[in-house]
PDB file of N, CA and C in Angstrom:
ATOM      1  N   MET A   1       3.540 121.973  42.605  1.00  0.00           N
ATOM      2  CA  MET A   1       3.941 122.393  43.925  1.00  0.00           C
ATOM      3  C   MET A   1       4.238 121.153  44.763  1.00  0.00           C
ATOM      4  N   ALA A   2       5.336 121.194  45.508  1.00  0.00           N
ATOM      5  CA  ALA A   2       5.749 120.059  46.336  1.00  0.00           C
ATOM      6  C   ALA A   2       4.839 119.931  47.545  1.00  0.00           C
ATOM      7  N   LYS A   3       4.481 118.708  47.840  1.00  0.00           N
ATOM      8  CA  LYS A   3       3.638 118.455  48.999  1.00  0.00           C
ATOM      9  C   LYS A   3       4.512 118.442  50.249  1.00  0.00           C
ATOM     10  N   ILE A   4       4.145 119.238  51.242  1.00  0.00           N
ATOM     11  CA  ILE A   4       4.917 119.343  52.470  1.00  0.00           C
ATOM     12  C   ILE A   4       4.080 118.795  53.611  1.00  0.00           C
ATOM     13  N   LYS A   5       4.682 117.924  54.383  1.00  0.00           N
ATOM     14  CA  LYS A   5       4.001 117.345  55.541  1.00  0.00           C
ATOM     15  C   LYS A   5       4.655 117.923  56.787  1.00  0.00           C
ATOM     16  N   THR A   6       3.867 118.586  57.618  1.00  0.00           N
ATOM     17  CA  THR A   6       4.391 119.244  58.803  1.00  0.00           C
ATOM     18  C   THR A   6       3.916 118.529  60.057  1.00  0.00           C
ATOM     19  N   SER A   7       4.838 118.385  61.006  1.00  0.00           N
ATOM     20  CA  SER A   7       4.495 117.792  62.292  1.00  0.00           C
ATOM     21  C   SER A   7       4.674 118.849  63.370  1.00  0.00           C
ATOM     22  N   LYS A   8       3.817 119.862  63.356  1.00  0.00           N
ATOM     23  CA  LYS A   8       3.950 120.971  64.287  1.00  0.00           C
ATOM     24  C   LYS A   8       3.365 120.675  65.660  1.00  0.00           C
ATOM     25  N   SER A   9       2.640 119.587  65.787  1.00  0.00           N
ATOM     26  CA  SER A   9       1.997 119.315  67.060  1.00  0.00           C
ATOM     27  C   SER A   9       2.932 118.664  68.069  1.00  0.00           C
ATOM     28  N   LYS A  10       4.026 118.108  67.627  1.00  0.00           N
ATOM     29  CA  LYS A  10       4.891 117.351  68.513  1.00  0.00           C
ATOM     30  C   LYS A  10       6.357 117.640  68.187  1.00  0.00           C
ATOM     31  N   THR A  11       7.138 117.936  69.219  1.00  0.00           N
ATOM     32  CA  THR A  11       8.558 118.167  68.998  1.00  0.00           C
ATOM     33  C   THR A  11       9.320 116.859  69.179  1.00  0.00           C
ATOM     34  N   ILE A  12      10.474 116.790  68.533  1.00  0.00           N
ATOM     35  CA  ILE A  12      11.368 115.667  68.746  1.00  0.00           C
ATOM     36  C   ILE A  12      12.738 116.216  69.118  1.00  0.00           C
ATOM     37  N   THR A  13      13.549 115.384  69.721  1.00  0.00           N
ATOM     38  CA  THR A  13      14.914 115.772  70.074  1.00  0.00           C
ATOM     39  C   THR A  13      15.868 114.875  69.313  1.00  0.00           C
ATOM     40  N   ILE A  14      16.830 115.505  68.640  1.00  0.00           N
ATOM     41  CA  ILE A  14      17.857 114.768  67.909  1.00  0.00           C
ATOM     42  C   ILE A  14      19.223 115.187  68.436  1.00  0.00           C
ATOM     43  N   SER A  15      20.198 114.347  68.229  1.00  0.00           N
ATOM     44  CA  SER A  15      21.568 114.642  68.621  1.00  0.00           C
ATOM     45  C   SER A  15      22.446 114.363  67.414  1.00  0.00           C
ATOM     46  N   GLY A  16      23.238 115.338  67.015  1.00  0.00           N
ATOM     47  CA  GLY A  16      24.075 115.141  65.838  1.00  0.00           C
ATOM     48  C   GLY A  16      25.051 116.279  65.630  1.00  0.00           C
ATOM     49  N   ILE A  17      25.779 116.185  64.534  1.00  0.00           N
ATOM     50  CA  ILE A  17      26.809 117.168  64.189  1.00  0.00           C
ATOM     51  C   ILE A  17      26.218 118.206  63.247  1.00  0.00           C
ATOM     52  N   VAL A  18      26.480 119.477  63.533  1.00  0.00           N
ATOM     53  CA  VAL A  18      26.027 120.575  62.676  1.00  0.00           C
ATOM     54  C   VAL A  18      27.014 120.696  61.525  1.00  0.00           C
ATOM     55  N   GLU A  19      26.490 120.656  60.308  1.00  0.00           N
ATOM     56  CA  GLU A  19      27.336 120.794  59.113  1.00  0.00           C
ATOM     57  C   GLU A  19      26.842 121.963  58.270  1.00  0.00           C
ATOM     58  N   GLU A  20      27.798 122.646  57.640  1.00  0.00           N
ATOM     59  CA  GLU A  20      27.479 123.780  56.777  1.00  0.00           C
ATOM     60  C   GLU A  20      27.357 123.294  55.342  1.00  0.00           C
ATOM     61  N   LEU A  21      26.377 123.827  54.639  1.00  0.00           N
ATOM     62  CA  LEU A  21      26.179 123.507  53.230  1.00  0.00           C
ATOM     63  C   LEU A  21      26.356 124.770  52.398  1.00  0.00           C
ATOM     64  N   ALA A  22      27.092 124.673  51.314  1.00  0.00           N
ATOM     65  CA  ALA A  22      27.233 125.800  50.399  1.00  0.00           C
ATOM     66  C   ALA A  22      26.190 125.630  49.297  1.00  0.00           C
ATOM     67  N   LEU A  23      25.371 126.629  49.107  1.00  0.00           N
ATOM     68  CA  LEU A  23      24.338 126.583  48.085  1.00  0.00           C
ATOM     69  C   LEU A  23      24.814 127.274  46.821  1.00  0.00           C
ATOM     70  N   ASP A  24      24.127 127.031  45.716  1.00  0.00           N
ATOM     71  CA  ASP A  24      24.520 127.588  44.419  1.00  0.00           C
ATOM     72  C   ASP A  24      24.530 129.109  44.397  1.00  0.00           C
ATOM     73  N   ASP A  25      23.635 129.740  45.120  1.00  0.00           N
ATOM     74  CA  ASP A  25      23.521 131.198  45.084  1.00  0.00           C
ATOM     75  C   ASP A  25      24.354 131.884  46.175  1.00  0.00           C
ATOM     76  N   ASP A  26      25.457 131.252  46.596  1.00  0.00           N
ATOM     77  CA  ASP A  26      26.360 131.772  47.623  1.00  0.00           C
ATOM     78  C   ASP A  26      25.666 131.959  48.978  1.00  0.00           C
ATOM     79  N   ASP A  27      24.554 131.318  49.147  1.00  0.00           N
ATOM     80  CA  ASP A  27      23.850 131.351  50.411  1.00  0.00           C
ATOM     81  C   ASP A  27      24.365 130.190  51.260  1.00  0.00           C
ATOM     82  N   ILE A  28      24.101 130.245  52.549  1.00  0.00           N
ATOM     83  CA  ILE A  28      24.570 129.201  53.456  1.00  0.00           C
ATOM     84  C   ILE A  28      23.367 128.493  54.060  1.00  0.00           C
ATOM     85  N   ALA A  29      23.482 127.198  54.178  1.00  0.00           N
ATOM     86  CA  ALA A  29      22.458 126.402  54.847  1.00  0.00           C
ATOM     87  C   ALA A  29      23.161 125.488  55.836  1.00  0.00           C
ATOM     88  N   LEU A  30      22.406 124.973  56.782  1.00  0.00           N
ATOM     89  CA  LEU A  30      22.949 124.056  57.774  1.00  0.00           C
ATOM     90  C   LEU A  30      22.149 122.771  57.771  1.00  0.00           C
ATOM     91  N   GLN A  31      22.803 121.711  58.198  1.00  0.00           N
ATOM     92  CA  GLN A  31      22.121 120.448  58.403  1.00  0.00           C
ATOM     93  C   GLN A  31      22.680 119.801  59.655  1.00  0.00           C
ATOM     94  N   ILE A  32      21.858 118.953  60.263  1.00  0.00           N
ATOM     95  CA  ILE A  32      22.286 118.179  61.420  1.00  0.00           C
ATOM     96  C   ILE A  32      22.254 116.721  61.007  1.00  0.00           C
ATOM     97  N   VAL A  33      23.392 116.045  61.169  1.00  0.00           N
ATOM     98  CA  VAL A  33      23.493 114.636  60.827  1.00  0.00           C
ATOM     99  C   VAL A  33      23.391 113.838  62.115  1.00  0.00           C
ATOM    100  N   ASP A  34      22.335 113.036  62.205  1.00  0.00           N
ATOM    101  CA  ASP A  34      22.001 112.280  63.408  1.00  0.00           C
ATOM    102  C   ASP A  34      21.907 110.802  63.043  1.00  0.00           C
ATOM    103  N   SER A  35      22.927 110.032  63.391  1.00  0.00           N
ATOM    104  CA  SER A  35      22.933 108.576  63.151  1.00  0.00           C
ATOM    105  C   SER A  35      22.547 108.225  61.721  1.00  0.00           C
ATOM    106  N   GLY A  36      23.136 108.920  60.763  1.00  0.00           N
ATOM    107  CA  GLY A  36      22.868 108.643  59.360  1.00  0.00           C
ATOM    108  C   GLY A  36      21.684 109.391  58.784  1.00  0.00           C
ATOM    109  N   ARG A  37      20.837 109.954  59.613  1.00  0.00           N
ATOM    110  CA  ARG A  37      19.719 110.769  59.140  1.00  0.00           C
ATOM    111  C   ARG A  37      20.196 112.206  59.010  1.00  0.00           C
ATOM    112  N   ILE A  38      19.710 112.867  57.981  1.00  0.00           N
ATOM    113  CA  ILE A  38      20.098 114.253  57.731  1.00  0.00           C
ATOM    114  C   ILE A  38      18.871 115.137  57.851  1.00  0.00           C
ATOM    115  N   TYR A  39      18.983 116.160  58.698  1.00  0.00           N
ATOM    116  CA  TYR A  39      17.910 117.132  58.891  1.00  0.00           C
ATOM    117  C   TYR A  39      18.427 118.498  58.475  1.00  0.00           C
ATOM    118  N   ARG A  40      17.834 119.059  57.455  1.00  0.00           N
ATOM    119  CA  ARG A  40      18.192 120.418  57.065  1.00  0.00           C
ATOM    120  C   ARG A  40      17.582 121.373  58.085  1.00  0.00           C
ATOM    121  N   VAL A  41      18.305 122.405  58.459  1.00  0.00           N
ATOM    122  CA  VAL A  41      17.867 123.346  59.493  1.00  0.00           C
ATOM    123  C   VAL A  41      17.112 124.511  58.855  1.00  0.00           C
ATOM    124  N   THR A  42      15.933 124.805  59.385  1.00  0.00           N
ATOM    125  CA  THR A  42      15.201 125.995  58.966  1.00  0.00           C
ATOM    126  C   THR A  42      15.999 127.207  59.446  1.00  0.00           C
ATOM    127  N   MET A  43      16.327 128.105  58.523  1.00  0.00           N
ATOM    128  CA  MET A  43      17.204 129.229  58.867  1.00  0.00           C
ATOM    129  C   MET A  43      16.407 130.439  59.362  1.00  0.00           C
ATOM    130  N   ASP A  44      15.633 130.223  60.421  1.00  0.00           N
ATOM    131  CA  ASP A  44      14.959 131.321  61.102  1.00  0.00           C
ATOM    132  C   ASP A  44      15.910 131.831  62.189  1.00  0.00           C
ATOM    133  N   ASN A  45      15.429 132.650  63.101  1.00  0.00           N
ATOM    134  CA  ASN A  45      16.308 133.213  64.142  1.00  0.00           C
ATOM    135  C   ASN A  45      17.024 132.132  64.942  1.00  0.00           C
ATOM    136  N   GLN A  46      16.284 131.115  65.371  1.00  0.00           N
ATOM    137  CA  GLN A  46      16.885 130.049  66.179  1.00  0.00           C
ATOM    138  C   GLN A  46      17.855 129.216  65.343  1.00  0.00           C
ATOM    139  N   GLY A  47      17.499 128.936  64.102  1.00  0.00           N
ATOM    140  CA  GLY A  47      18.364 128.158  63.220  1.00  0.00           C
ATOM    141  C   GLY A  47      19.685 128.867  62.924  1.00  0.00           C
ATOM    142  N   ARG A  48      19.646 130.194  62.766  1.00  0.00           N
ATOM    143  CA  ARG A  48      20.871 130.961  62.490  1.00  0.00           C
ATOM    144  C   ARG A  48      21.853 130.911  63.649  1.00  0.00           C
ATOM    145  N   LYS A  49      21.339 130.718  64.861  1.00  0.00           N
ATOM    146  CA  LYS A  49      22.231 130.626  66.024  1.00  0.00           C
ATOM    147  C   LYS A  49      23.174 129.431  65.904  1.00  0.00           C
ATOM    148  N   LEU A  50      22.781 128.421  65.143  1.00  0.00           N
ATOM    149  CA  LEU A  50      23.631 127.240  64.964  1.00  0.00           C
ATOM    150  C   LEU A  50      24.875 127.520  64.116  1.00  0.00           C
ATOM    151  N   LEU A  51      24.915 128.665  63.437  1.00  0.00           N
ATOM    152  CA  LEU A  51      26.101 129.014  62.645  1.00  0.00           C
ATOM    153  C   LEU A  51      27.355 129.054  63.518  1.00  0.00           C
ATOM    154  N   ASP A  52      27.195 129.360  64.784  1.00  0.00           N
ATOM    155  CA  ASP A  52      28.332 129.401  65.709  1.00  0.00           C
ATOM    156  C   ASP A  52      28.767 128.010  66.163  1.00  0.00           C
ATOM    157  N   TYR A  53      28.016 126.976  65.787  1.00  0.00           N
ATOM    158  CA  TYR A  53      28.285 125.624  66.278  1.00  0.00           C
ATOM    159  C   TYR A  53      28.554 124.623  65.158  1.00  0.00           C
ATOM    160  N   VAL A  54      29.024 125.113  64.002  1.00  0.00           N
ATOM    161  CA  VAL A  54      29.372 124.223  62.890  1.00  0.00           C
ATOM    162  C   VAL A  54      30.487 123.277  63.348  1.00  0.00           C
ATOM    163  N   ASP A  55      30.372 122.011  62.999  1.00  0.00           N
ATOM    164  CA  ASP A  55      31.298 120.928  63.364  1.00  0.00           C
ATOM    165  C   ASP A  55      31.226 120.558  64.846  1.00  0.00           C
ATOM    166  N   GLU A  56      30.208 121.020  65.546  1.00  0.00           N
ATOM    167  CA  GLU A  56      30.003 120.669  66.953  1.00  0.00           C
ATOM    168  C   GLU A  56      28.855 119.658  67.040  1.00  0.00           C
ATOM    169  N   THR A  57      28.889 118.828  68.071  1.00  0.00           N
ATOM    170  CA  THR A  57      27.791 117.909  68.329  1.00  0.00           C
ATOM    171  C   THR A  57      26.812 118.593  69.273  1.00  0.00           C
ATOM    172  N   ILE A  58      25.569 118.657  68.840  1.00  0.00           N
ATOM    173  CA  ILE A  58      24.543 119.320  69.637  1.00  0.00           C
ATOM    174  C   ILE A  58      23.373 118.376  69.884  1.00  0.00           C
ATOM    175  N   GLU A  59      22.541 118.771  70.819  1.00  0.00           N
ATOM    176  CA  GLU A  59      21.246 118.127  71.012  1.00  0.00           C
ATOM    177  C   GLU A  59      20.212 119.209  70.738  1.00  0.00           C
ATOM    178  N   ALA A  60      19.335 118.961  69.763  1.00  0.00           N
ATOM    179  CA  ALA A  60      18.359 119.955  69.341  1.00  0.00           C
ATOM    180  C   ALA A  60      16.950 119.402  69.448  1.00  0.00           C
ATOM    181  N   THR A  61      16.042 120.268  69.865  1.00  0.00           N
ATOM    182  CA  THR A  61      14.624 119.925  69.931  1.00  0.00           C
ATOM    183  C   THR A  61      13.894 120.844  68.969  1.00  0.00           C
ATOM    184  N   GLY A  62      12.997 120.264  68.194  1.00  0.00           N
ATOM    185  CA  GLY A  62      12.270 121.079  67.238  1.00  0.00           C
ATOM    186  C   GLY A  62      11.168 120.320  66.531  1.00  0.00           C
ATOM    187  N   PHE A  63      10.572 120.993  65.547  1.00  0.00           N
ATOM    188  CA  PHE A  63       9.492 120.437  64.754  1.00  0.00           C
ATOM    189  C   PHE A  63      10.068 119.920  63.439  1.00  0.00           C
ATOM    190  N   ILE A  64       9.624 118.760  63.005  1.00  0.00           N
ATOM    191  CA  ILE A  64      10.089 118.176  61.753  1.00  0.00           C
ATOM    192  C   ILE A  64       9.105 118.519  60.642  1.00  0.00           C
ATOM    193  N   ILE A  65       9.657 118.951  59.521  1.00  0.00           N
ATOM    194  CA  ILE A  65       8.882 119.242  58.323  1.00  0.00           C
ATOM    195  C   ILE A  65       9.391 118.288  57.253  1.00  0.00           C
ATOM    196  N   LYS A  66       8.500 117.438  56.745  1.00  0.00           N
ATOM    197  CA  LYS A  66       8.904 116.448  55.745  1.00  0.00           C
ATOM    198  C   LYS A  66       8.418 116.875  54.366  1.00  0.00           C
ATOM    199  N   SER A  67       9.297 116.718  53.374  1.00  0.00           N
ATOM    200  CA  SER A  67       8.945 116.999  51.989  1.00  0.00           C
ATOM    201  C   SER A  67       9.649 115.974  51.112  1.00  0.00           C
ATOM    202  N   LYS A  68       9.438 116.061  49.821  1.00  0.00           N
ATOM    203  CA  LYS A  68      10.097 115.123  48.908  1.00  0.00           C
ATOM    204  C   LYS A  68      11.611 115.270  48.951  1.00  0.00           C
ATOM    205  N   GLY A  69      12.087 116.452  49.274  1.00  0.00           N
ATOM    206  CA  GLY A  69      13.518 116.712  49.328  1.00  0.00           C
ATOM    207  C   GLY A  69      14.193 116.196  50.589  1.00  0.00           C
ATOM    208  N   GLY A  70      13.428 115.730  51.563  1.00  0.00           N
ATOM    209  CA  GLY A  70      14.000 115.231  52.810  1.00  0.00           C
ATOM    210  C   GLY A  70      13.324 115.850  54.016  1.00  0.00           C
ATOM    211  N   SER A  71      13.989 115.754  55.147  1.00  0.00           N
ATOM    212  CA  SER A  71      13.425 116.283  56.394  1.00  0.00           C
ATOM    213  C   SER A  71      14.127 117.565  56.784  1.00  0.00           C
ATOM    214  N   GLU A  72      13.340 118.488  57.321  1.00  0.00           N
ATOM    215  CA  GLU A  72      13.864 119.756  57.805  1.00  0.00           C
ATOM    216  C   GLU A  72      13.434 119.895  59.258  1.00  0.00           C
ATOM    217  N   ILE A  73      14.285 120.498  60.078  1.00  0.00           N
ATOM    218  CA  ILE A  73      13.947 120.713  61.477  1.00  0.00           C
ATOM    219  C   ILE A  73      13.899 122.203  61.758  1.00  0.00           C
ATOM    220  N   GLN A  74      12.807 122.613  62.377  1.00  0.00           N
ATOM    221  CA  GLN A  74      12.669 123.992  62.856  1.00  0.00           C
ATOM    222  C   GLN A  74      13.031 123.954  64.334  1.00  0.00           C
ATOM    223  N   ILE A  75      14.185 124.508  64.670  1.00  0.00           N
ATOM    224  CA  ILE A  75      14.754 124.420  66.010  1.00  0.00           C
ATOM    225  C   ILE A  75      13.943 125.244  67.009  1.00  0.00           C
ATOM    226  N   VAL A  76      13.619 124.614  68.128  1.00  0.00           N
ATOM    227  CA  VAL A  76      12.975 125.304  69.235  1.00  0.00           C
ATOM    228  C   VAL A  76      14.028 125.669  70.278  1.00  0.00           C
ATOM    229  N   ARG A  77      14.907 124.698  70.578  1.00  0.00           N
ATOM    230  CA  ARG A  77      16.012 124.934  71.512  1.00  0.00           C
ATOM    231  C   ARG A  77      17.115 123.925  71.216  1.00  0.00           C
ATOM    232  N   PHE A  78      18.326 124.273  71.645  1.00  0.00           N
ATOM    233  CA  PHE A  78      19.459 123.372  71.453  1.00  0.00           C
ATOM    234  C   PHE A  78      20.523 123.671  72.491  1.00  0.00           C
ATOM    235  N   HIS A  79      21.440 122.728  72.653  1.00  0.00           N
ATOM    236  CA  HIS A  79      22.608 122.946  73.501  1.00  0.00           C
ATOM    237  C   HIS A  79      23.695 121.976  73.046  1.00  0.00           C
ATOM    238  N   LEU A  80      24.927 122.284  73.403  1.00  0.00           N
ATOM    239  CA  LEU A  80      26.038 121.407  73.061  1.00  0.00           C
ATOM    240  C   LEU A  80      25.866 120.069  73.762  1.00  0.00           C
ATOM    241  N   ALA A  81      26.167 118.997  73.066  1.00  0.00           N
ATOM    242  CA  ALA A  81      26.038 117.665  73.662  1.00  0.00           C
ATOM    243  C   ALA A  81      27.012 117.493  74.818  1.00  0.00           C
ATOM    244  N   ASP A  82      28.162 118.151  74.779  1.00  0.00           N
ATOM    245  CA  ASP A  82      29.147 118.066  75.863  1.00  0.00           C
ATOM    246  C   ASP A  82      28.574 118.629  77.160  1.00  0.00           C
ATOM    247  N   GLU A  83      27.722 119.657  77.059  1.00  0.00           N
ATOM    248  CA  GLU A  83      27.118 120.238  78.257  1.00  0.00           C
ATOM    249  C   GLU A  83      26.229 119.225  78.952  1.00  0.00           C
ATOM    250  N   VAL A  84      25.533 118.410  78.184  1.00  0.00           N
ATOM    251  CA  VAL A  84      24.671 117.383  78.763  1.00  0.00           C
ATOM    252  C   VAL A  84      25.532 116.358  79.487  1.00  0.00           C
ATOM    253  N   ASP A  85      26.632 115.914  78.854  1.00  0.00           N
ATOM    254  CA  ASP A  85      27.510 114.920  79.466  1.00  0.00           C
ATOM    255  C   ASP A  85      28.146 115.445  80.745  1.00  0.00           C
ATOM    256  N   SER A  86      28.570 116.710  80.756  1.00  0.00           N
ATOM    257  CA  SER A  86      29.212 117.252  81.956  1.00  0.00           C
ATOM    258  C   SER A  86      28.197 117.410  83.084  1.00  0.00           C
ATOM    259  N   ASP A  87      26.948 117.749  82.752  1.00  0.00           N
ATOM    260  CA  ASP A  87      25.909 117.837  83.784  1.00  0.00           C
ATOM    261  C   ASP A  87      25.664 116.481  84.416  1.00  0.00           C
ATOM    262  N   LYS A  88      25.626 115.423  83.617  1.00  0.00           N
ATOM    263  CA  LYS A  88      25.426 114.084  84.149  1.00  0.00           C
ATOM    264  C   LYS A  88      26.591 113.671  85.027  1.00  0.00           C
ATOM    265  N   ALA A  89      27.825 114.042  84.627  1.00  0.00           N
ATOM    266  CA  ALA A  89      29.010 113.694  85.413  1.00  0.00           C
ATOM    267  C   ALA A  89      28.955 114.366  86.780  1.00  0.00           C
ATOM    268  N   GLU A  90      28.515 115.631  86.825  1.00  0.00           N
ATOM    269  CA  GLU A  90      28.406 116.330  88.100  1.00  0.00           C
ATOM    270  C   GLU A  90      27.392 115.656  89.008  1.00  0.00           C
ATOM    271  N   ILE A  91      26.291 115.219  88.460  1.00  0.00           N
ATOM    272  CA  ILE A  91      25.265 114.556  89.252  1.00  0.00           C
ATOM    273  C   ILE A  91      25.806 113.243  89.805  1.00  0.00           C
ATOM    274  N   GLU A  92      26.541 112.495  88.976  1.00  0.00           N
ATOM    275  CA  GLU A  92      27.085 111.223  89.439  1.00  0.00           C
ATOM    276  C   GLU A  92      28.142 111.430  90.521  1.00  0.00           C
ATOM    277  N   GLU A  93      28.919 112.505  90.449  1.00  0.00           N
ATOM    278  CA  GLU A  93      29.929 112.775  91.465  1.00  0.00           C
ATOM    279  C   GLU A  93      29.289 113.125  92.805  1.00  0.00           C
ATOM    280  N   ASP A  94      28.172 113.794  92.780  1.00  0.00           N
ATOM    281  CA  ASP A  94      27.479 114.204  93.995  1.00  0.00           C
ATOM    282  C   ASP A  94      26.524 113.106  94.444  1.00  0.00           C
ATOM    283  N   ASP A  95      27.069 111.972  94.816  1.00  0.00           N
ATOM    284  CA  ASP A  95      26.254 110.848  95.258  1.00  0.00           C
ATOM    285  C   ASP A  95      25.938 111.029  96.730  1.00  0.00           C
ATOM    286  N   TRP A  96      24.687 111.272  97.029  1.00  0.00           N
ATOM    287  CA  TRP A  96      24.265 111.522  98.399  1.00  0.00           C
ATOM    288  C   TRP A  96      23.591 110.283  98.974  1.00  0.00           C
ATOM    289  N   SER A  97      24.150 109.135  98.654  1.00  0.00           N
ATOM    290  CA  SER A  97      23.539 107.903  99.148  1.00  0.00           C
ATOM    291  C   SER A  97      23.658 107.837 100.670  1.00  0.00           C
ATOM    292  N   MET A  98      22.818 107.049 101.271  1.00  0.00           N
ATOM    293  CA  MET A  98      22.746 106.976 102.723  1.00  0.00           C
ATOM    294  C   MET A  98      23.514 105.779 103.281  1.00  0.00           C
ATOM    295  N   ASP A  99      24.389 105.162 102.511  1.00  0.00           N
ATOM    296  CA  ASP A  99      25.122 103.987 102.967  1.00  0.00           C
ATOM    297  C   ASP A  99      25.942 104.276 104.222  1.00  0.00           C
ATOM    298  N   ASP A 100      26.620 105.398 104.264  1.00  0.00           N
ATOM    299  CA  ASP A 100      27.456 105.740 105.417  1.00  0.00           C
ATOM    300  C   ASP A 100      26.608 105.999 106.662  1.00  0.00           C
ATOM    301  N   ASP A 101      25.420 106.536 106.479  1.00  0.00           N
ATOM    302  CA  ASP A 101      24.540 106.837 107.606  1.00  0.00           C
ATOM    303  C   ASP A 101      24.054 105.567 108.297  1.00  0.00           C
ATOM    304  N   ASP A 102      23.911 104.479 107.555  1.00  0.00           N
ATOM    305  CA  ASP A 102      23.468 103.223 108.157  1.00  0.00           C
ATOM    306  C   ASP A 102      24.466 102.750 109.204  1.00  0.00           C
ATOM    307  N   ASP A 103      25.765 102.836 108.905  1.00  0.00           N
ATOM    308  CA  ASP A 103      26.795 102.435 109.860  1.00  0.00           C
ATOM    309  C   ASP A 103      26.764 103.328 111.099  1.00  0.00           C
ATOM    310  N   PHE A 104      26.560 104.606 110.892  1.00  0.00           N
ATOM    311  CA  PHE A 104      26.499 105.545 112.012  1.00  0.00           C
ATOM    312  C   PHE A 104      25.347 105.185 112.955  1.00  0.00           C
ATOM    313  N   LEU A 105      24.177 104.938 112.367  1.00  0.00           N
ATOM    314  CA  LEU A 105      23.018 104.617 113.197  1.00  0.00           C
ATOM    315  C   LEU A 105      23.191 103.281 113.915  1.00  0.00           C
ATOM    316  N   ASN A 106      23.765 102.293 113.249  1.00  0.00           N
ATOM    317  CA  ASN A 106      23.984 100.986 113.862  1.00  0.00           C
ATOM    318  C   ASN A 106      24.949 101.090 115.038  1.00  0.00           C
ATOM    319  N   ASP A 107      26.040 101.825 114.875  1.00  0.00           N
ATOM    320  CA  ASP A 107      27.025 101.994 115.954  1.00  0.00           C
ATOM    321  C   ASP A 107      26.411 102.722 117.139  1.00  0.00           C
ATOM    322  N   ARG A 108      25.568 103.685 116.860  1.00  0.00           N
ATOM    323  CA  ARG A 108      24.984 104.513 117.907  1.00  0.00           C
ATOM    324  C   ARG A 108      23.963 103.731 118.764  1.00  0.00           C
ATOM    325  N   TYR A 109      23.198 102.891 118.135  1.00  0.00           N
ATOM    326  CA  TYR A 109      22.111 102.226 118.857  1.00  0.00           C
ATOM    327  C   TYR A 109      22.397 100.767 119.230  1.00  0.00           C
ATOM    328  N   ASP A 110      23.595 100.257 118.910  1.00  0.00           N
ATOM    329  CA  ASP A 110      23.943  98.884 119.268  1.00  0.00           C
ATOM    330  C   ASP A 110      24.502  98.774 120.691  1.00  0.00           C
ATOM    331  N   GLN A 111      24.552  99.808 121.400  1.00  0.00           N
ATOM    332  CA  GLN A 111      25.144  99.805 122.746  1.00  0.00           C
ATOM    333  C   GLN A 111      24.362  99.070 123.752  1.00  0.00           C
TER     334      GLN A 111
END
């Protein structure tokens, strides 16, 4: 029996491309490739949701299960990586710095 090491106490977040794997028994599996590391996806309810995101870059948080065959990730949550980038862009556009207010206050009280 293969020895399996589970890290259920701590989640990690990875960012990578979802790839589809064809198995010998006509079954489908998924993996996430993150900077050269490959994480096979546990095909539970959350993992099956990734079928809609094949060839997409995602950010996924989950538990890592290590075995002799490699690492597997049990997905807790995920989202498209583009959504993260667009959220950051919106925050950067909405710069509410107080630089303009300093000039207003100086003009008002320099009289």
